[in-house]
Amino acid sequence: MMIEALRNAMSKLNKDEREIIERLYFNDETLRAVAKTQNISHPALIKRRDKILEKLKKFIEEI
């Protein structure tokens, strides 16, 4: 049930947000590696990741 909720929530993210989460949590890439390929700083990626995770949490709580 939670896997389905996560899939549903992930589908509501935009392409860039989904790519960041997939690379960090499913592909096990480091924050620095993802930040480099996204052409943003490490701290900026951390802020972005945190905002995306909050979005996912909201989407899951709505279910």
Protein backbone atom coordinates (compact mmCIF):
# COMPACT_ATOMS: atom_id res chain seq x y z
CA MET A 1 0.00 0.00 0.00
CA MET A 2 2.79 2.46 0.86
CA ILE A 3 4.67 1.57 -2.34
CA GLU A 4 1.59 2.48 -4.36
CA ALA A 5 1.23 5.75 -2.42
CA LEU A 6 4.88 6.57 -3.15
CA ARG A 7 4.47 5.79 -6.85
CA ASN A 8 1.39 8.00 -6.98
CA ALA A 9 3.17 10.85 -5.17
CA MET A 10 6.26 10.53 -7.41
CA SER A 11 4.08 10.81 -10.51
CA LYS A 12 2.90 14.23 -9.30
CA LEU A 13 6.43 15.65 -9.25
CA ASN A 14 7.81 17.49 -12.26
CA LYS A 15 10.53 15.90 -14.38
CA ASP A 16 13.49 17.59 -12.61
CA GLU A 17 12.17 16.83 -9.13
CA ARG A 18 11.53 13.20 -10.00
CA GLU A 19 15.01 12.85 -11.52
CA ILE A 20 16.68 14.23 -8.37
CA ILE A 21 14.78 11.88 -6.06
CA GLU A 22 15.34 8.85 -8.31
CA ARG A 23 19.07 9.53 -8.56
CA LEU A 24 19.53 10.15 -4.85
CA TYR A 25 17.37 7.36 -3.45
CA PHE A 26 16.99 4.73 -6.15
CA ASN A 27 20.32 5.03 -7.99
CA ASP A 28 22.34 5.70 -4.81
CA GLU A 29 24.18 8.69 -6.27
CA THR A 30 25.79 11.21 -3.94
CA LEU A 31 24.47 14.72 -3.38
CA ARG A 32 27.66 16.19 -4.84
CA ALA A 33 27.44 14.05 -7.99
CA VAL A 34 23.82 15.00 -8.60
CA ALA A 35 24.52 18.68 -7.86
CA LYS A 36 27.36 18.67 -10.38
CA THR A 37 25.22 17.20 -13.17
CA GLN A 38 22.39 19.62 -12.32
CA ASN A 39 24.88 22.53 -12.41
CA ILE A 40 23.92 23.72 -8.94
CA SER A 41 25.82 23.94 -5.67
CA HIS A 42 25.77 21.20 -3.06
CA PRO A 43 23.86 23.38 -0.52
CA ALA A 44 21.34 24.39 -3.20
CA LEU A 45 20.65 20.73 -3.98
CA ILE A 46 20.13 19.99 -0.28
CA LYS A 47 17.50 22.77 -0.08
CA ARG A 48 15.86 21.53 -3.27
CA ARG A 49 15.84 17.92 -2.02
CA ASP A 50 14.25 18.97 1.26
CA LYS A 51 11.50 20.89 -0.56
CA ILE A 52 10.82 17.93 -2.84
CA LEU A 53 10.62 15.55 0.13
CA GLU A 54 8.13 17.90 1.82
CA LYS A 55 6.05 17.86 -1.37
CA LEU A 56 6.12 14.06 -1.44
CA LYS A 57 5.08 13.94 2.21
CA LYS A 58 2.09 16.21 1.49
CA PHE A 59 1.04 14.11 -1.50
CA ILE A 60 1.21 10.90 0.56
CA GLU A 61 -0.72 12.42 3.47
CA GLU A 62 -3.52 13.44 1.06
CA ILE A 63 -4.13 9.81 0.11
